[in-house]
Amino acid sequence: MSGIIIVGGGQAGSSLAAKLRTLGYEGAVTLVGAEPVPPYQRPPLSKAYLLGEMAEERLYLRPESFYEDQRIELRLGATASTLDTKAKTIVIGGETLGYDHLALTTGSIPNQLPAAIGGKLDGVFTVRGLADVDRMAPLFQSGARVLVVGGGYIGLEAAAVASKLGLDVTLVEMTERILGRVAAPETADAIRTAHIAHGVDIREGVGLVELTGSEGRVTSAALTDGSALDVDFVIVGTGIRPDTSLAEAAGITLDNGIAVDEMGQTSAPGVWSAGDCASFPWRGARLRLESVQNAIDQAEAVAANMLGAHTAYDPRPWFWSDQYDLKLQIAGLNTGYTHVVTRTGEGTQSFWYYKDAELLAVDAINAPRDYMVGKRLIDMGKSPDADVIRDPSSDLKALLRA
């Protein structure tokens, strides 16, 4: 067999396959997914799907008929192994297939608690795949006691859902504050305030010592502040790491993920990568983005470059998180910021990250206009005066015409 094989049935893999057909590629396209379901969107897993507000079929990125109509062969529940980049072959579910181009869109793997501290007990979950949420969903009963380990977006979103459903929620973050790696203290303060108002017990600077259980199932947690909690289940939201096992075994260069050039090509000829698992050159360094937007945009760029476009990928990062009645929208990357400018309005807040006089990023909470303007300003390379941003009476849209 020849053609293009895509290993990884998530957002990036599905987007890459669809883009190949949009661009007129007529050869064979095979999309390999480890899960037994078609590619689906992951962000709603810890929100609408867990709340029971979204059926499984609505998670699917495209109906199954799309792949048949577009002549994209889906190999679901299949394991990819033994990638031979010299022979241009890969073993899929025990069958050796040849390829002209191969894309690794293998995504990421959630960090788990070590078995030595109870990480393997029943009732300890991560939130990454559909099966994870399906296993834990029946436990979301009013009055149940849940411990959330990790104060990043995944942990906070799961805590918000649990609180809305009437659970007794404790969240621990071992570093000094929630969202410490990804957001300014100002954004963290707003999110924390919302959680506390909804009854979540947030403990910052507090880590997990050990989980213990009875008959193999978790029943209690010992924390570094000396306290002990009775728990019915535990959600682990301590981050993710790129899934590089297939690339590593094949001898492909790694650097905070699968290292690709500006076109998306790995160190192996004919092998490409996109999405959570791929790191790419950006502003003199290497960047790996964990977001839906990057998975789509980078995958589509790789599809074009496979077909000869030879166009460097230039990311336009944006992210979002829904918690309670807060909609947080993020544009840009705040890496290296020196100060934050706060803008407040009627029920809105936005936090503008500057590196000296340069606007880097915006966190907007229930402030879609601030987000839209901030995103466009960043894309245009414009950095408005901080005093204008700070003034709630200023016309933000006018900045786009300046």
Protein backbone atom coordinates (compact mmCIF):
# COMPACT_ATOMS: atom_id res chain seq x y z
CA MET A 1 0.00 0.00 0.00
CA SER A 2 1.15 3.55 -0.67
CA GLY A 3 -0.36 6.94 -0.05
CA ILE A 4 -0.57 8.89 3.19
CA ILE A 5 -0.94 7.29 6.61
CA ILE A 6 -1.91 9.42 9.60
CA VAL A 7 -1.23 7.90 13.02
CA GLY A 8 -3.42 9.51 15.66
CA GLY A 9 -7.18 9.85 15.44
CA GLY A 10 -7.69 13.13 17.27
CA GLN A 11 -8.31 16.70 16.19
CA ALA A 12 -5.00 17.03 14.32
CA GLY A 13 -5.29 13.71 12.51
CA SER A 14 -8.86 14.31 11.41
CA SER A 15 -8.06 17.85 10.27
CA LEU A 16 -5.04 16.70 8.30
CA ALA A 17 -6.98 13.98 6.51
CA ALA A 18 -9.85 16.31 5.61
CA LYS A 19 -7.46 19.02 4.38
CA LEU A 20 -5.69 16.60 2.06
CA ARG A 21 -8.96 15.97 0.27
CA THR A 22 -9.89 19.67 0.23
CA LEU A 23 -6.55 20.37 -1.47
CA GLY A 24 -7.30 17.79 -4.14
CA TYR A 25 -5.13 14.88 -3.06
CA GLU A 26 -6.47 11.74 -4.77
CA GLY A 27 -4.22 9.06 -3.30
CA ALA A 28 -5.01 6.68 -0.47
CA VAL A 29 -5.50 8.26 2.97
CA THR A 30 -5.53 6.07 6.08
CA LEU A 31 -6.36 7.51 9.50
CA VAL A 32 -5.33 5.30 12.43
CA GLY A 33 -6.92 5.83 15.84
CA ALA A 34 -6.18 3.92 19.03
CA GLU A 35 -9.70 4.50 20.37
CA PRO A 36 -12.68 2.52 19.02
CA VAL A 37 -14.66 5.66 18.11
CA PRO A 38 -14.28 8.21 15.30
CA PRO A 39 -12.23 11.37 15.97
CA TYR A 40 -13.98 13.58 18.50
CA GLN A 41 -13.54 16.92 20.24
CA ARG A 42 -11.96 16.70 23.67
CA PRO A 43 -12.71 20.08 25.34
CA PRO A 44 -16.38 19.24 26.05
CA LEU A 45 -15.37 16.04 27.85
CA SER A 46 -14.64 17.90 31.09
CA LYS A 47 -17.59 20.26 30.62
CA ALA A 48 -20.78 19.66 28.63
CA TYR A 49 -20.31 15.91 28.15
CA LEU A 50 -19.53 15.30 31.82
CA LEU A 51 -22.55 17.40 32.76
CA GLY A 52 -24.72 15.20 30.55
CA GLU A 53 -25.55 18.12 28.26
CA MET A 54 -23.93 16.64 25.14
CA ALA A 55 -24.49 13.21 23.61
CA GLU A 56 -21.50 11.18 22.43
CA GLU A 57 -22.42 11.58 18.76
CA ARG A 58 -22.26 15.36 19.11
CA LEU A 59 -18.65 15.02 20.20
CA TYR A 60 -17.67 13.55 16.84
CA LEU A 61 -15.73 16.03 14.72
CA ARG A 62 -17.36 14.70 11.58
CA PRO A 63 -20.02 12.05 10.97
CA GLU A 64 -18.67 8.62 10.12
CA SER A 65 -20.18 8.98 6.66
CA PHE A 66 -17.78 11.87 5.97
CA TYR A 67 -14.78 9.56 6.01
CA GLU A 68 -16.46 7.09 3.68
CA ASP A 69 -17.55 9.86 1.31
CA GLN A 70 -14.05 11.32 1.26
CA ARG A 71 -12.40 7.92 0.81
CA ILE A 72 -10.53 8.21 4.10
CA GLU A 73 -9.98 4.75 5.53
CA LEU A 74 -10.57 4.73 9.28
CA ARG A 75 -8.70 2.12 11.27
CA LEU A 76 -10.15 2.48 14.76
CA GLY A 77 -9.02 0.67 17.87
CA ALA A 78 -5.77 -0.02 16.06
CA THR A 79 -2.24 0.07 17.44
CA ALA A 80 0.62 1.46 15.37
CA SER A 81 4.05 -0.04 15.94
CA THR A 82 7.41 -0.72 14.31
CA LEU A 83 7.85 2.37 12.17
CA ASP A 84 10.71 1.81 9.70
CA THR A 85 11.51 5.22 8.26
CA LYS A 86 14.08 3.86 5.79
CA ALA A 87 11.78 1.25 4.29
CA LYS A 88 8.80 3.61 4.68
CA THR A 89 6.68 0.99 6.36
CA ILE A 90 4.67 0.83 9.56
CA VAL A 91 2.87 -1.99 11.33
CA ILE A 92 -0.81 -1.22 12.01
CA GLY A 93 -2.72 -3.82 14.00
CA GLY A 94 -0.20 -6.47 13.01
CA GLU A 95 -0.28 -5.59 9.29
CA THR A 96 2.72 -4.00 7.58
CA LEU A 97 1.78 -1.04 5.38
CA GLY A 98 3.91 1.10 3.11
CA TYR A 99 3.51 4.85 2.77
CA ASP A 100 4.63 7.79 0.67
CA HIS A 101 4.13 10.23 3.54
CA LEU A 102 3.33 9.52 7.18
CA ALA A 103 2.02 11.97 9.76
CA LEU A 104 2.39 11.47 13.50
CA THR A 105 -0.54 13.20 15.20
CA THR A 106 -0.31 11.08 18.32
CA GLY A 107 -1.32 13.83 20.74
CA SER A 108 -0.52 13.66 24.41
CA ILE A 109 -0.79 11.45 27.48
CA PRO A 110 -2.07 12.60 30.88
CA ASN A 111 0.34 12.49 33.78
CA GLN A 112 -0.72 9.97 36.39
CA LEU A 113 -0.02 9.57 40.08
CA PRO A 114 2.66 7.02 40.97
CA ALA A 115 1.40 3.64 42.10
CA ALA A 116 3.52 4.03 45.23
CA ILE A 117 1.20 6.76 46.52
CA GLY A 118 -2.03 5.08 45.48
CA GLY A 119 -2.27 6.16 41.87
CA LYS A 120 -3.45 2.72 40.73
CA LEU A 121 -6.36 2.45 43.16
CA ASP A 122 -9.85 2.14 41.71
CA GLY A 123 -11.62 5.48 41.76
CA VAL A 124 -8.57 7.47 40.61
CA PHE A 125 -9.15 9.04 37.20
CA THR A 126 -7.58 11.27 34.60
CA VAL A 127 -9.63 13.34 32.16
CA ARG A 128 -8.22 12.77 28.70
CA GLY A 129 -10.35 10.40 26.67
CA LEU A 130 -13.98 9.50 26.22
CA ALA A 131 -13.52 6.24 28.12
CA ASP A 132 -12.07 8.14 31.10
CA VAL A 133 -15.16 10.31 31.41
CA ASP A 134 -17.55 7.42 30.82
CA ARG A 135 -15.94 5.55 33.73
CA MET A 136 -16.16 8.43 36.18
CA ALA A 137 -19.48 10.00 35.15
CA PRO A 138 -21.67 7.66 37.29
CA LEU A 139 -19.78 8.86 40.38
CA PHE A 140 -20.88 12.46 39.92
CA GLN A 141 -23.71 12.22 42.39
CA SER A 142 -24.84 15.01 44.70
CA GLY A 143 -23.07 14.76 48.03
CA ALA A 144 -20.19 12.62 46.76
CA ARG A 145 -16.74 13.69 47.93
CA VAL A 146 -14.16 14.28 45.21
CA LEU A 147 -10.55 15.37 45.43
CA VAL A 148 -9.12 17.15 42.39
CA VAL A 149 -5.33 17.06 42.21
CA GLY A 150 -3.95 19.92 40.12
CA GLY A 151 -5.04 23.52 39.63
CA GLY A 152 -4.66 23.80 35.86
CA TYR A 153 -7.53 24.22 33.42
CA ILE A 154 -8.48 20.53 33.29
CA GLY A 155 -8.64 20.24 37.07
CA LEU A 156 -10.54 23.50 37.46
CA GLU A 157 -13.06 22.59 34.76
CA ALA A 158 -13.69 19.21 36.37
CA ALA A 159 -14.07 20.90 39.76
CA ALA A 160 -16.61 23.33 38.30
CA VAL A 161 -18.72 20.51 36.87
CA ALA A 162 -18.56 18.57 40.13
CA SER A 163 -19.61 21.64 42.12
CA LYS A 164 -22.52 22.36 39.75
CA LEU A 165 -23.73 18.79 40.27
CA GLY A 166 -23.69 19.17 44.03
CA LEU A 167 -20.54 17.28 44.93
CA ASP A 168 -18.29 18.15 47.85
CA VAL A 169 -15.14 19.33 46.02
CA THR A 170 -11.62 19.84 47.32
CA LEU A 171 -8.90 20.95 44.89
CA VAL A 172 -5.23 20.92 45.82
CA GLU A 173 -2.44 22.65 43.93
CA MET A 174 1.07 21.96 45.15
CA THR A 175 2.55 25.20 43.77
CA GLU A 176 1.78 28.57 45.32
CA ARG A 177 -1.34 29.20 43.23
CA ILE A 178 -3.71 27.81 40.62
CA LEU A 179 -2.89 28.40 36.94
CA GLY A 180 0.67 29.22 37.94
CA ARG A 181 2.18 27.91 34.71
CA VAL A 182 -0.25 29.44 32.26
CA ALA A 183 -1.87 32.61 33.61
CA ALA A 184 -1.14 35.78 35.56
CA PRO A 185 -2.14 36.12 39.21
CA GLU A 186 -4.92 38.49 38.13
CA THR A 187 -6.59 35.80 36.00
CA ALA A 188 -6.05 33.19 38.70
CA ASP A 189 -7.66 35.49 41.28
CA ALA A 190 -10.82 35.83 39.18
CA ILE A 191 -11.08 32.08 38.62
CA ARG A 192 -10.38 31.29 42.26
CA THR A 193 -13.06 33.72 43.42
CA ALA A 194 -15.64 31.97 41.25
CA HIS A 195 -14.75 28.54 42.62
CA ILE A 196 -14.86 29.66 46.23
CA ALA A 197 -18.24 31.30 45.62
CA HIS A 198 -19.48 27.90 44.39
CA GLY A 199 -18.23 26.10 47.49
CA VAL A 200 -15.02 24.54 46.17
CA ASP A 201 -12.33 24.14 48.83
CA ILE A 202 -9.19 25.33 47.02
CA ARG A 203 -5.92 24.63 48.82
CA GLU A 204 -2.87 26.20 47.19
CA GLY A 205 0.65 25.31 48.20
CA VAL A 206 -0.73 21.95 49.31
CA GLY A 207 0.26 18.67 47.72
CA LEU A 208 -0.85 15.08 47.92
CA VAL A 209 1.16 12.78 50.16
CA GLU A 210 -0.73 9.55 49.62
CA LEU A 211 -4.02 7.97 48.66
CA THR A 212 -5.19 4.99 50.65
CA GLY A 213 -8.08 2.65 50.14
CA SER A 214 -10.12 -0.31 51.13
CA GLU A 215 -10.39 -3.46 49.02
CA GLY A 216 -8.45 -1.78 46.24
CA ARG A 217 -10.61 1.34 46.04
CA VAL A 218 -9.58 4.83 47.15
CA THR A 219 -11.20 6.05 50.36
CA SER A 220 -8.92 8.73 51.77
CA ALA A 221 -6.17 11.21 50.95
CA ALA A 222 -3.33 12.52 53.11
CA LEU A 223 -2.18 16.05 52.21
CA THR A 224 1.04 17.95 52.86
CA ASP A 225 -0.75 20.40 55.18
CA GLY A 226 -1.21 17.50 57.59
CA SER A 227 -4.90 17.03 56.89
CA ALA A 228 -6.69 13.87 55.79
CA LEU A 229 -9.76 13.75 53.58
CA ASP A 230 -12.39 11.07 53.14
CA VAL A 231 -12.96 10.76 49.39
CA ASP A 232 -15.23 8.79 47.10
CA PHE A 233 -13.05 9.36 44.06
CA VAL A 234 -10.10 11.40 42.81
CA ILE A 235 -9.52 13.32 39.57
CA VAL A 236 -5.90 13.86 38.56
CA GLY A 237 -5.28 16.98 36.49
CA THR A 238 -1.51 17.35 36.74
CA GLY A 239 -0.80 18.08 33.08
CA ILE A 240 -0.01 16.12 29.97
CA ARG A 241 3.09 15.05 28.08
CA PRO A 242 3.55 14.51 24.35
CA ASP A 243 3.08 10.96 23.08
CA THR A 244 6.42 10.38 21.39
CA SER A 245 6.89 6.64 21.90
CA LEU A 246 6.47 5.64 18.25
CA ALA A 247 8.77 8.41 17.03
CA GLU A 248 11.39 7.66 19.67
CA ALA A 249 11.46 3.95 18.82
CA ALA A 250 11.97 4.88 15.15
CA GLY A 251 14.95 7.12 15.97
CA ILE A 252 13.20 10.38 15.11
CA THR A 253 14.62 13.46 16.82
CA LEU A 254 12.76 14.61 19.94
CA ASP A 255 12.87 18.01 21.62
CA ASN A 256 9.97 18.68 24.00
CA GLY A 257 7.92 16.47 21.72
CA ILE A 258 8.52 15.32 18.16
CA ALA A 259 10.83 17.94 16.68
CA VAL A 260 9.68 19.30 13.32
CA ASP A 261 10.96 22.08 11.08
CA GLU A 262 8.91 25.12 10.11
CA MET A 263 7.13 23.01 7.48
CA GLY A 264 6.16 20.29 9.93
CA GLN A 265 8.66 17.66 8.76
CA THR A 266 10.52 15.49 11.25
CA SER A 267 14.13 14.35 11.03
CA ALA A 268 12.96 11.34 8.99
CA PRO A 269 12.22 11.96 5.29
CA GLY A 270 8.54 11.66 4.50
CA VAL A 271 7.50 11.72 8.16
CA TRP A 272 5.62 14.73 9.49
CA SER A 273 4.01 15.69 12.77
CA ALA A 274 1.38 18.10 14.09
CA GLY A 275 -0.66 18.84 17.19
CA ASP A 276 0.08 18.36 20.89
CA CYS A 277 2.96 15.97 20.19
CA ALA A 278 4.96 18.26 17.87
CA SER A 279 7.41 21.03 18.75
CA PHE A 280 8.30 23.56 16.08
CA PRO A 281 10.68 26.52 15.66
CA TRP A 282 9.21 29.85 16.77
CA ARG A 283 10.96 33.14 17.42
CA GLY A 284 14.37 31.60 17.88
CA ALA A 285 13.21 28.83 20.22
CA ARG A 286 11.03 25.73 20.07
CA LEU A 287 7.35 25.80 20.91
CA ARG A 288 4.80 23.09 21.55
CA LEU A 289 1.17 24.16 21.83
CA GLU A 290 -1.56 22.14 23.52
CA SER A 291 -4.72 23.53 21.97
CA VAL A 292 -7.50 22.71 19.54
CA GLN A 293 -6.62 25.73 17.40
CA ASN A 294 -3.01 24.64 17.00
CA ALA A 295 -3.99 21.04 16.25
CA ILE A 296 -6.21 22.21 13.39
CA ASP A 297 -4.00 24.94 11.97
CA GLN A 298 -0.75 23.04 12.16
CA ALA A 299 -2.30 19.87 10.72
CA GLU A 300 -3.74 21.80 7.79
CA ALA A 301 -0.36 23.45 7.19
CA VAL A 302 1.32 20.03 7.20
CA ALA A 303 -1.25 18.69 4.72
CA ALA A 304 -0.44 21.54 2.34
CA ASN A 305 3.31 21.06 2.76
CA MET A 306 3.01 17.33 2.11
CA LEU A 307 1.58 18.32 -1.25
CA GLY A 308 4.37 20.79 -2.00
CA ALA A 309 3.19 24.14 -0.61
CA HIS A 310 6.47 24.73 1.25
CA THR A 311 4.92 27.31 3.59
CA ALA A 312 6.23 27.87 7.10
CA TYR A 313 3.72 27.40 9.91
CA ASP A 314 3.07 30.66 11.75
CA PRO A 315 0.81 30.06 14.77
CA ARG A 316 -1.89 32.45 15.91
CA PRO A 317 -2.54 31.00 19.36
CA TRP A 318 -5.92 31.17 21.07
CA PHE A 319 -7.50 29.12 23.84
CA TRP A 320 -10.62 29.05 25.97
CA SER A 321 -12.05 27.62 29.18
CA ASP A 322 -15.62 27.52 30.50
CA GLN A 323 -16.16 27.40 34.27
CA TYR A 324 -19.56 28.14 35.85
CA ASP A 325 -20.83 31.31 34.15
CA LEU A 326 -17.31 32.42 33.27
CA LYS A 327 -16.07 32.19 29.70
CA LEU A 328 -12.34 32.72 29.60
CA GLN A 329 -10.93 33.47 26.14
CA ILE A 330 -7.19 33.76 25.62
CA ALA A 331 -5.34 35.21 22.63
CA GLY A 332 -1.58 35.11 22.14
CA LEU A 333 1.16 33.68 24.35
CA ASN A 334 2.15 35.42 27.55
CA THR A 335 5.66 33.94 27.73
CA GLY A 336 8.13 36.54 28.95
CA TYR A 337 5.59 39.18 29.99
CA THR A 338 6.78 41.94 32.30
CA HIS A 339 3.47 43.37 33.51
CA VAL A 340 -0.30 43.00 33.21
CA VAL A 341 -2.81 45.77 32.47
CA THR A 342 -6.33 45.21 33.81
CA ARG A 343 -9.47 46.44 32.08
CA THR A 344 -12.85 46.14 33.81
CA GLY A 345 -16.37 46.68 32.52
CA GLU A 346 -19.95 45.81 33.38
CA GLY A 347 -19.53 42.18 34.43
CA THR A 348 -16.35 41.83 32.35
CA GLN A 349 -12.65 41.65 33.00
CA SER A 350 -9.65 41.40 30.74
CA PHE A 351 -5.96 41.13 31.48
CA TRP A 352 -3.47 42.37 28.88
CA TYR A 353 0.05 40.97 29.01
CA TYR A 354 2.87 43.27 27.97
CA LYS A 355 6.58 42.71 27.55
CA ASP A 356 7.66 46.28 28.18
CA ALA A 357 5.65 48.13 25.50
CA GLU A 358 4.82 45.06 23.37
CA LEU A 359 1.40 43.42 23.68
CA LEU A 360 1.81 39.65 23.93
CA ALA A 361 -1.52 38.19 25.04
CA VAL A 362 -4.98 38.86 26.43
CA ASP A 363 -7.08 36.91 28.94
CA ALA A 364 -10.72 37.98 28.62
CA ILE A 365 -13.39 36.87 31.09
CA ASN A 366 -16.95 37.34 29.81
CA ALA A 367 -15.47 40.02 27.57
CA PRO A 368 -15.76 38.82 23.97
CA ARG A 369 -15.13 42.29 22.52
CA ASP A 370 -11.89 42.67 24.48
CA TYR A 371 -10.84 39.22 23.29
CA MET A 372 -11.68 39.93 19.65
CA VAL A 373 -9.87 43.27 19.61
CA GLY A 374 -6.90 41.91 21.53
CA LYS A 375 -6.54 38.95 19.18
CA ARG A 376 -6.63 41.16 16.11
CA LEU A 377 -4.15 43.63 17.59
CA ILE A 378 -1.72 40.79 18.32
CA ASP A 379 -2.16 39.35 14.83
CA MET A 380 -1.52 42.83 13.37
CA GLY A 381 1.54 43.37 15.52
CA LYS A 382 0.04 46.43 17.21
CA SER A 383 0.66 47.33 20.84
CA PRO A 384 -1.68 50.04 22.16
CA ASP A 385 -0.71 52.29 25.02
CA ALA A 386 -1.46 50.66 28.38
CA ASP A 387 -3.37 53.71 29.63
CA VAL A 388 -5.82 53.38 26.74
CA ILE A 389 -6.43 49.72 27.58
CA ARG A 390 -6.85 50.50 31.27
CA ASP A 391 -9.46 53.19 30.65
CA PRO A 392 -12.91 51.49 30.56
CA SER A 393 -14.34 54.38 28.54
CA SER A 394 -11.88 53.99 25.67
CA ASP A 395 -13.11 52.63 22.35
CA LEU A 396 -11.14 49.45 21.81
CA LYS A 397 -12.33 48.99 18.24
CA ALA A 398 -10.80 52.33 17.34
CA LEU A 399 -7.41 50.82 18.09
CA LEU A 400 -7.81 48.54 15.09
CA ARG A 401 -8.10 51.55 12.80
CA ALA A 402 -5.22 53.47 14.33
